Amino acid sequence: MGSPDPVRLVELGPGRGTLISDALRAARIVPAFRN
């Protein structure tokens, strides 16, 4: 997308939050994305 900052990361119906929690942990390897 051209690395927009900010970018909305939206989850529909996140359940317990497990998916987004795991996704954010994995995203640590791309610091600019997490930031």
PDB file of all heavy atoms in Angstrom:
ATOM      1  N   MET A   1       0.824  -1.213   0.000  1.00  0.00           N
ATOM      2  CA  MET A   1       0.000   0.000   0.000  1.00  0.00           C
ATOM      3  C   MET A   1       0.854   1.258   0.000  1.00  0.00           C
ATOM      4  O   MET A   1       0.319   2.376  -0.067  1.00  0.00           O
ATOM      5  CB  MET A   1      -0.919   0.005   1.229  1.00  0.00           C
ATOM      6  CG  MET A   1      -1.988  -1.071   1.230  1.00  0.00           C
ATOM      7  SD  MET A   1      -2.720  -1.330   2.881  1.00  0.00           S
ATOM      8  CE  MET A   1      -3.420   0.274   3.248  1.00  0.00           C
ATOM      9  N   GLY A   2       2.165   1.104   0.116  1.00  0.00           N
ATOM     10  CA  GLY A   2       3.044   2.266   0.205  1.00  0.00           C
ATOM     11  C   GLY A   2       3.387   2.638   1.630  1.00  0.00           C
ATOM     12  O   GLY A   2       3.821   3.763   1.897  1.00  0.00           O
ATOM     13  N   SER A   3       3.147   1.707   2.567  1.00  0.00           N
ATOM     14  CA  SER A   3       3.494   1.891   3.990  1.00  0.00           C
ATOM     15  C   SER A   3       2.859   3.137   4.605  1.00  0.00           C
ATOM     16  O   SER A   3       3.563   3.987   5.184  1.00  0.00           O
ATOM     17  CB  SER A   3       5.021   1.932   4.161  1.00  0.00           C
ATOM     18  OG  SER A   3       5.611   0.780   3.599  1.00  0.00           O
ATOM     19  N   PRO A   4       1.532   3.290   4.504  1.00  0.00           N
ATOM     20  CA  PRO A   4       0.901   4.478   5.077  1.00  0.00           C
ATOM     21  C   PRO A   4       1.017   4.506   6.599  1.00  0.00           C
ATOM     22  O   PRO A   4       1.010   3.469   7.257  1.00  0.00           O
ATOM     23  CB  PRO A   4      -0.565   4.338   4.642  1.00  0.00           C
ATOM     24  CG  PRO A   4      -0.758   2.861   4.452  1.00  0.00           C
ATOM     25  CD  PRO A   4       0.547   2.364   3.921  1.00  0.00           C
ATOM     26  N   ASP A   5       1.123   5.719   7.154  1.00  0.00           N
ATOM     27  CA  ASP A   5       1.224   5.908   8.594  1.00  0.00           C
ATOM     28  C   ASP A   5       0.368   7.119   8.964  1.00  0.00           C
ATOM     29  O   ASP A   5       0.680   8.245   8.560  1.00  0.00           O
ATOM     30  CB  ASP A   5       2.692   6.141   8.985  1.00  0.00           C
ATOM     31  CG  ASP A   5       2.906   6.228  10.486  1.00  0.00           C
ATOM     32  OD1 ASP A   5       1.904   6.175  11.228  1.00  0.00           O
ATOM     33  OD2 ASP A   5       4.065   6.363  10.910  1.00  0.00           O
ATOM     34  N   PRO A   6      -0.755   6.889   9.675  1.00  0.00           N
ATOM     35  CA  PRO A   6      -1.173   5.617  10.267  1.00  0.00           C
ATOM     36  C   PRO A   6      -1.930   4.741   9.284  1.00  0.00           C
ATOM     37  O   PRO A   6      -2.358   5.202   8.225  1.00  0.00           O
ATOM     38  CB  PRO A   6      -2.107   6.070  11.393  1.00  0.00           C
ATOM     39  CG  PRO A   6      -2.747   7.315  10.837  1.00  0.00           C
ATOM     40  CD  PRO A   6      -1.657   7.998  10.055  1.00  0.00           C
ATOM     41  N   VAL A   7      -2.120   3.470   9.683  1.00  0.00           N
ATOM     42  CA  VAL A   7      -2.978   2.548   8.950  1.00  0.00           C
ATOM     43  C   VAL A   7      -3.916   1.911   9.961  1.00  0.00           C
ATOM     44  O   VAL A   7      -3.500   1.550  11.068  1.00  0.00           O
ATOM     45  CB  VAL A   7      -2.156   1.478   8.197  1.00  0.00           C
ATOM     46  CG1 VAL A   7      -1.361   0.596   9.161  1.00  0.00           C
ATOM     47  CG2 VAL A   7      -3.064   0.617   7.317  1.00  0.00           C
ATOM     48  N   ARG A   8      -5.193   1.829   9.622  1.00  0.00           N
ATOM     49  CA  ARG A   8      -6.164   1.183  10.513  1.00  0.00           C
ATOM     50  C   ARG A   8      -6.066  -0.326  10.322  1.00  0.00           C
ATOM     51  O   ARG A   8      -6.207  -0.821   9.206  1.00  0.00           O
ATOM     52  CB  ARG A   8      -7.589   1.622  10.197  1.00  0.00           C
ATOM     53  CG  ARG A   8      -7.770   3.099   9.884  1.00  0.00           C
ATOM     54  CD  ARG A   8      -7.474   3.997  11.047  1.00  0.00           C
ATOM     55  NE  ARG A   8      -7.668   5.400  10.667  1.00  0.00           N
ATOM     56  CZ  ARG A   8      -7.161   6.429  11.313  1.00  0.00           C
ATOM     57  NH1 ARG A   8      -6.428   6.238  12.398  1.00  0.00           N
ATOM     58  NH2 ARG A   8      -7.380   7.668  10.903  1.00  0.00           N
ATOM     59  N   LEU A   9      -5.813  -1.054  11.396  1.00  0.00           N
ATOM     60  CA  LEU A   9      -5.891  -2.510  11.372  1.00  0.00           C
ATOM     61  C   LEU A   9      -7.166  -2.879  12.104  1.00  0.00           C
ATOM     62  O   LEU A   9      -7.280  -2.693  13.319  1.00  0.00           O
ATOM     63  CB  LEU A   9      -4.676  -3.151  12.041  1.00  0.00           C
ATOM     64  CG  LEU A   9      -4.665  -4.687  12.081  1.00  0.00           C
ATOM     65  CD1 LEU A   9      -4.703  -5.278  10.674  1.00  0.00           C
ATOM     66  CD2 LEU A   9      -3.448  -5.204  12.849  1.00  0.00           C
ATOM     67  N   VAL A  10      -8.138  -3.378  11.343  1.00  0.00           N
ATOM     68  CA  VAL A  10      -9.487  -3.593  11.863  1.00  0.00           C
ATOM     69  C   VAL A  10      -9.775  -5.082  11.905  1.00  0.00           C
ATOM     70  O   VAL A  10      -9.541  -5.801  10.926  1.00  0.00           O
ATOM     71  CB  VAL A  10     -10.531  -2.889  10.959  1.00  0.00           C
ATOM     72  CG1 VAL A  10     -11.930  -3.061  11.529  1.00  0.00           C
ATOM     73  CG2 VAL A  10     -10.177  -1.410  10.780  1.00  0.00           C
ATOM     74  N   GLU A  11     -10.287  -5.557  13.038  1.00  0.00           N
ATOM     75  CA  GLU A  11     -10.776  -6.938  13.068  1.00  0.00           C
ATOM     76  C   GLU A  11     -12.262  -6.938  13.348  1.00  0.00           C
ATOM     77  O   GLU A  11     -12.743  -6.293  14.287  1.00  0.00           O
ATOM     78  CB  GLU A  11     -10.057  -7.806  14.100  1.00  0.00           C
ATOM     79  CG  GLU A  11     -10.500  -9.267  13.962  1.00  0.00           C
ATOM     80  CD  GLU A  11      -9.823 -10.243  14.900  1.00  0.00           C
ATOM     81  OE1 GLU A  11      -8.986  -9.836  15.714  1.00  0.00           O
ATOM     82  OE2 GLU A  11     -10.168 -11.446  14.813  1.00  0.00           O
ATOM     83  N   LEU A  12     -12.999  -7.689  12.541  1.00  0.00           N
ATOM     84  CA  LEU A  12     -14.443  -7.839  12.697  1.00  0.00           C
ATOM     85  C   LEU A  12     -14.717  -9.038  13.599  1.00  0.00           C
ATOM     86  O   LEU A  12     -14.330 -10.160  13.286  1.00  0.00           O
ATOM     87  CB  LEU A  12     -15.094  -8.076  11.330  1.00  0.00           C
ATOM     88  CG  LEU A  12     -14.757  -7.066  10.228  1.00  0.00           C
ATOM     89  CD1 LEU A  12     -15.297  -7.557   8.882  1.00  0.00           C
ATOM     90  CD2 LEU A  12     -15.314  -5.693  10.560  1.00  0.00           C
ATOM     91  N   GLY A  13     -15.374  -8.805  14.731  1.00  0.00           N
ATOM     92  CA  GLY A  13     -15.706  -9.903  15.625  1.00  0.00           C
ATOM     93  C   GLY A  13     -14.472 -10.616  16.147  1.00  0.00           C
ATOM     94  O   GLY A  13     -14.219 -11.764  15.765  1.00  0.00           O
ATOM     95  N   PRO A  14     -13.681  -9.991  17.021  1.00  0.00           N
ATOM     96  CA  PRO A  14     -12.378 -10.536  17.398  1.00  0.00           C
ATOM     97  C   PRO A  14     -12.388 -11.693  18.387  1.00  0.00           C
ATOM     98  O   PRO A  14     -11.319 -12.145  18.805  1.00  0.00           O
ATOM     99  CB  PRO A  14     -11.666  -9.324  18.032  1.00  0.00           C
ATOM    100  CG  PRO A  14     -12.511  -8.135  17.721  1.00  0.00           C
ATOM    101  CD  PRO A  14     -13.897  -8.652  17.572  1.00  0.00           C
ATOM    102  N   GLY A  15     -13.566 -12.175  18.806  1.00  0.00           N
ATOM    103  CA  GLY A  15     -13.593 -13.285  19.747  1.00  0.00           C
ATOM    104  C   GLY A  15     -12.948 -12.904  21.061  1.00  0.00           C
ATOM    105  O   GLY A  15     -13.258 -11.866  21.657  1.00  0.00           O
ATOM    106  N   ARG A  16     -12.028 -13.723  21.538  1.00  0.00           N
ATOM    107  CA  ARG A  16     -11.305 -13.411  22.772  1.00  0.00           C
ATOM    108  C   ARG A  16     -10.174 -12.403  22.554  1.00  0.00           C
ATOM    109  O   ARG A  16      -9.563 -11.937  23.504  1.00  0.00           O
ATOM    110  CB  ARG A  16     -10.687 -14.691  23.342  1.00  0.00           C
ATOM    111  CG  ARG A  16     -11.659 -15.695  23.914  1.00  0.00           C
ATOM    112  CD  ARG A  16     -10.902 -16.966  24.233  1.00  0.00           C
ATOM    113  NE  ARG A  16     -11.686 -17.914  25.016  1.00  0.00           N
ATOM    114  CZ  ARG A  16     -11.335 -19.184  25.193  1.00  0.00           C
ATOM    115  NH1 ARG A  16     -10.223 -19.651  24.639  1.00  0.00           N
ATOM    116  NH2 ARG A  16     -12.086 -19.988  25.917  1.00  0.00           N
ATOM    117  N   GLY A  17      -9.864 -12.128  21.282  1.00  0.00           N
ATOM    118  CA  GLY A  17      -8.730 -11.272  20.962  1.00  0.00           C
ATOM    119  C   GLY A  17      -7.478 -12.060  20.634  1.00  0.00           C
ATOM    120  O   GLY A  17      -6.403 -11.484  20.442  1.00  0.00           O
ATOM    121  N   THR A  18      -7.619 -13.373  20.535  1.00  0.00           N
ATOM    122  CA  THR A  18      -6.452 -14.231  20.312  1.00  0.00           C
ATOM    123  C   THR A  18      -5.779 -13.951  18.985  1.00  0.00           C
ATOM    124  O   THR A  18      -4.550 -13.846  18.904  1.00  0.00           O
ATOM    125  CB  THR A  18      -6.875 -15.711  20.379  1.00  0.00           C
ATOM    126  OG1 THR A  18      -7.551 -15.952  21.616  1.00  0.00           O
ATOM    127  CG2 THR A  18      -5.664 -16.632  20.283  1.00  0.00           C
ATOM    128  N   LEU A  19      -6.556 -13.832  17.906  1.00  0.00           N
ATOM    129  CA  LEU A  19      -5.980 -13.623  16.586  1.00  0.00           C
ATOM    130  C   LEU A  19      -5.181 -12.316  16.545  1.00  0.00           C
ATOM    131  O   LEU A  19      -4.030 -12.301  16.112  1.00  0.00           O
ATOM    132  CB  LEU A  19      -7.084 -13.620  15.523  1.00  0.00           C
ATOM    133  CG  LEU A  19      -6.643 -13.584  14.052  1.00  0.00           C
ATOM    134  CD1 LEU A  19      -7.740 -14.152  13.157  1.00  0.00           C
ATOM    135  CD2 LEU A  19      -6.291 -12.186  13.565  1.00  0.00           C
ATOM    136  N   ILE A  20      -5.784 -11.222  16.998  1.00  0.00           N
ATOM    137  CA  ILE A  20      -5.101  -9.932  16.887  1.00  0.00           C
ATOM    138  C   ILE A  20      -3.889  -9.891  17.809  1.00  0.00           C
ATOM    139  O   ILE A  20      -2.860  -9.279  17.492  1.00  0.00           O
ATOM    140  CB  ILE A  20      -6.084  -8.770  17.174  1.00  0.00           C
ATOM    141  CG1 ILE A  20      -5.519  -7.442  16.665  1.00  0.00           C
ATOM    142  CG2 ILE A  20      -6.457  -8.678  18.626  1.00  0.00           C
ATOM    143  CD1 ILE A  20      -5.455  -7.330  15.174  1.00  0.00           C
ATOM    144  N   SER A  21      -3.959 -10.557  18.950  1.00  0.00           N
ATOM    145  CA  SER A  21      -2.814 -10.615  19.858  1.00  0.00           C
ATOM    146  C   SER A  21      -1.639 -11.337  19.204  1.00  0.00           C
ATOM    147  O   SER A  21      -0.495 -10.851  19.233  1.00  0.00           O
ATOM    148  CB  SER A  21      -3.207 -11.324  21.155  1.00  0.00           C
ATOM    149  OG  SER A  21      -2.096 -11.489  22.009  1.00  0.00           O
ATOM    150  N   ASP A  22      -1.921 -12.483  18.577  1.00  0.00           N
ATOM    151  CA  ASP A  22      -0.860 -13.225  17.895  1.00  0.00           C
ATOM    152  C   ASP A  22      -0.332 -12.446  16.695  1.00  0.00           C
ATOM    153  O   ASP A  22       0.876 -12.454  16.403  1.00  0.00           O
ATOM    154  CB  ASP A  22      -1.379 -14.591  17.443  1.00  0.00           C
ATOM    155  CG  ASP A  22      -1.667 -15.534  18.613  1.00  0.00           C
ATOM    156  OD1 ASP A  22      -1.093 -15.315  19.704  1.00  0.00           O
ATOM    157  OD2 ASP A  22      -2.458 -16.477  18.443  1.00  0.00           O
ATOM    158  N   ALA A  23      -1.234 -11.764  15.984  1.00  0.00           N
ATOM    159  CA  ALA A  23      -0.822 -10.983  14.815  1.00  0.00           C
ATOM    160  C   ALA A  23       0.113  -9.842  15.216  1.00  0.00           C
ATOM    161  O   ALA A  23       1.125  -9.584  14.552  1.00  0.00           O
ATOM    162  CB  ALA A  23      -2.054 -10.434  14.094  1.00  0.00           C
ATOM    163  N   LEU A  24      -0.212  -9.167  16.302  1.00  0.00           N
ATOM    164  CA  LEU A  24       0.619  -8.045  16.746  1.00  0.00           C
ATOM    165  C   LEU A  24       1.979  -8.523  17.240  1.00  0.00           C
ATOM    166  O   LEU A  24       2.993  -7.846  17.046  1.00  0.00           O
ATOM    167  CB  LEU A  24      -0.102  -7.267  17.848  1.00  0.00           C
ATOM    168  CG  LEU A  24      -1.361  -6.509  17.408  1.00  0.00           C
ATOM    169  CD1 LEU A  24      -2.055  -5.879  18.598  1.00  0.00           C
ATOM    170  CD2 LEU A  24      -1.024  -5.452  16.362  1.00  0.00           C
ATOM    171  N   ARG A  25       2.002  -9.692  17.869  1.00  0.00           N
ATOM    172  CA  ARG A  25       3.295 -10.229  18.312  1.00  0.00           C
ATOM    173  C   ARG A  25       4.181 -10.547  17.111  1.00  0.00           C
ATOM    174  O   ARG A  25       5.371 -10.211  17.089  1.00  0.00           O
ATOM    175  CB  ARG A  25       3.072 -11.486  19.156  1.00  0.00           C
ATOM    176  CG  ARG A  25       4.373 -12.055  19.748  1.00  0.00           C
ATOM    177  CD  ARG A  25       4.139 -13.281  20.599  1.00  0.00           C
ATOM    178  NE  ARG A  25       3.574 -14.385  19.843  1.00  0.00           N
ATOM    179  CZ  ARG A  25       2.304 -14.774  19.941  1.00  0.00           C
ATOM    180  NH1 ARG A  25       1.474 -14.155  20.753  1.00  0.00           N
ATOM    181  NH2 ARG A  25       1.854 -15.781  19.221  1.00  0.00           N
ATOM    182  N   ALA A  26       3.613 -11.184  16.099  1.00  0.00           N
ATOM    183  CA  ALA A  26       4.393 -11.519  14.900  1.00  0.00           C
ATOM    184  C   ALA A  26       4.861 -10.261  14.181  1.00  0.00           C
ATOM    185  O   ALA A  26       5.949 -10.243  13.585  1.00  0.00           O
ATOM    186  CB  ALA A  26       3.558 -12.388  13.964  1.00  0.00           C
ATOM    187  N   ALA A  27       4.051  -9.193  14.240  1.00  0.00           N
ATOM    188  CA  ALA A  27       4.385  -7.958  13.521  1.00  0.00           C
ATOM    189  C   ALA A  27       5.582  -7.231  14.118  1.00  0.00           C
ATOM    190  O   ALA A  27       6.065  -6.261  13.532  1.00  0.00           O
ATOM    191  CB  ALA A  27       3.168  -7.031  13.502  1.00  0.00           C
ATOM    192  N   ARG A  28       6.093  -7.701  15.247  1.00  0.00           N
ATOM    193  CA  ARG A  28       7.280  -7.065  15.829  1.00  0.00           C
ATOM    194  C   ARG A  28       8.494  -7.141  14.900  1.00  0.00           C
ATOM    195  O   ARG A  28       9.405  -6.328  15.019  1.00  0.00           O
ATOM    196  CB  ARG A  28       7.617  -7.730  17.164  1.00  0.00           C
ATOM    197  CG  ARG A  28       6.652  -7.393  18.289  1.00  0.00           C
ATOM    198  CD  ARG A  28       6.972  -8.186  19.543  1.00  0.00           C
ATOM    199  NE  ARG A  28       6.018  -7.899  20.606  1.00  0.00           N
ATOM    200  CZ  ARG A  28       5.879  -8.641  21.696  1.00  0.00           C
ATOM    201  NH1 ARG A  28       6.645  -9.698  21.879  1.00  0.00           N
ATOM    202  NH2 ARG A  28       4.982  -8.315  22.619  1.00  0.00           N
ATOM    203  N   ILE A  29       8.482  -8.105  13.997  1.00  0.00           N
ATOM    204  CA  ILE A  29       9.629  -8.222  13.093  1.00  0.00           C
ATOM    205  C   ILE A  29       9.587  -7.146  12.000  1.00  0.00           C
ATOM    206  O   ILE A  29      10.530  -7.025  11.221  1.00  0.00           O
ATOM    207  CB  ILE A  29       9.733  -9.626  12.464  1.00  0.00           C
ATOM    208  CG1 ILE A  29       8.593  -9.873  11.484  1.00  0.00           C
ATOM    209  CG2 ILE A  29       9.773 -10.713  13.528  1.00  0.00           C
ATOM    210  CD1 ILE A  29       8.757 -11.152  10.683  1.00  0.00           C
ATOM    211  N   VAL A  30       8.482  -6.389  11.950  1.00  0.00           N
ATOM    212  CA  VAL A  30       8.378  -5.246  11.018  1.00  0.00           C
ATOM    213  C   VAL A  30       8.051  -4.017  11.869  1.00  0.00           C
ATOM    214  O   VAL A  30       6.905  -3.566  11.923  1.00  0.00           O
ATOM    215  CB  VAL A  30       7.297  -5.488   9.949  1.00  0.00           C
ATOM    216  CG1 VAL A  30       7.377  -4.409   8.867  1.00  0.00           C
ATOM    217  CG2 VAL A  30       7.400  -6.863   9.338  1.00  0.00           C
ATOM    218  N   PRO A  31       9.044  -3.458  12.569  1.00  0.00           N
ATOM    219  CA  PRO A  31       8.786  -2.361  13.520  1.00  0.00           C
ATOM    220  C   PRO A  31       8.041  -1.178  12.915  1.00  0.00           C
ATOM    221  O   PRO A  31       7.172  -0.591  13.577  1.00  0.00           O
ATOM    222  CB  PRO A  31      10.189  -1.965  13.983  1.00  0.00           C
ATOM    223  CG  PRO A  31      11.024  -3.188  13.763  1.00  0.00           C
ATOM    224  CD  PRO A  31      10.462  -3.842  12.542  1.00  0.00           C
ATOM    225  N   ALA A  32       8.363  -0.813  11.685  1.00  0.00           N
ATOM    226  CA  ALA A  32       7.696   0.344  11.071  1.00  0.00           C
ATOM    227  C   ALA A  32       6.204   0.095  10.914  1.00  0.00           C
ATOM    228  O   ALA A  32       5.385   1.012  11.077  1.00  0.00           O
ATOM    229  CB  ALA A  32       8.330   0.652   9.718  1.00  0.00           C
ATOM    230  N   PHE A  33       5.823  -1.146  10.610  1.00  0.00           N
ATOM    231  CA  PHE A  33       4.405  -1.507  10.485  1.00  0.00           C
ATOM    232  C   PHE A  33       3.717  -1.393  11.840  1.00  0.00           C
ATOM    233  O   PHE A  33       2.659  -0.765  11.965  1.00  0.00           O
ATOM    234  CB  PHE A  33       4.295  -2.927   9.928  1.00  0.00           C
ATOM    235  CG  PHE A  33       2.898  -3.487   9.908  1.00  0.00           C
ATOM    236  CD1 PHE A  33       1.874  -2.829   9.239  1.00  0.00           C
ATOM    237  CD2 PHE A  33       2.599  -4.677  10.568  1.00  0.00           C
ATOM    238  CE1 PHE A  33       0.583  -3.347   9.215  1.00  0.00           C
ATOM    239  CE2 PHE A  33       1.319  -5.204  10.552  1.00  0.00           C
ATOM    240  CZ  PHE A  33       0.314  -4.533   9.877  1.00  0.00           C
ATOM    241  N   ARG A  34       4.302  -1.987  12.873  1.00  0.00           N
ATOM    242  CA  ARG A  34       3.701  -1.912  14.210  1.00  0.00           C
ATOM    243  C   ARG A  34       3.554  -0.469  14.665  1.00  0.00           C
ATOM    244  O   ARG A  34       2.542  -0.082  15.262  1.00  0.00           O
ATOM    245  CB  ARG A  34       4.540  -2.700  15.217  1.00  0.00           C
ATOM    246  CG  ARG A  34       3.993  -4.084  15.523  1.00  0.00           C
ATOM    247  CD  ARG A  34       4.844  -4.796  16.546  1.00  0.00           C
ATOM    248  NE  ARG A  34       4.746  -4.183  17.872  1.00  0.00           N
ATOM    249  CZ  ARG A  34       3.968  -4.629  18.845  1.00  0.00           C
ATOM    250  NH1 ARG A  34       3.189  -5.675  18.645  1.00  0.00           N
ATOM    251  NH2 ARG A  34       3.960  -4.034  20.022  1.00  0.00           N
ATOM    252  N   ASN A  35       4.551   0.336  14.397  1.00  0.00           N
ATOM    253  CA  ASN A  35       4.505   1.730  14.827  1.00  0.00           C
ATOM    254  C   ASN A  35       3.426   2.531  14.110  1.00  0.00           C
ATOM    255  O   ASN A  35       2.936   3.538  14.631  1.00  0.00           O
ATOM    256  CB  ASN A  35       5.865   2.394  14.615  1.00  0.00           C
ATOM    257  CG  ASN A  35       6.938   1.836  15.534  1.00  0.00           C
ATOM    258  OD1 ASN A  35       6.630   1.253  16.580  1.00  0.00           O
ATOM    259  ND2 ASN A  35       8.199   1.990  15.145  1.00  0.00           N
TER     260      ASN A  35
END
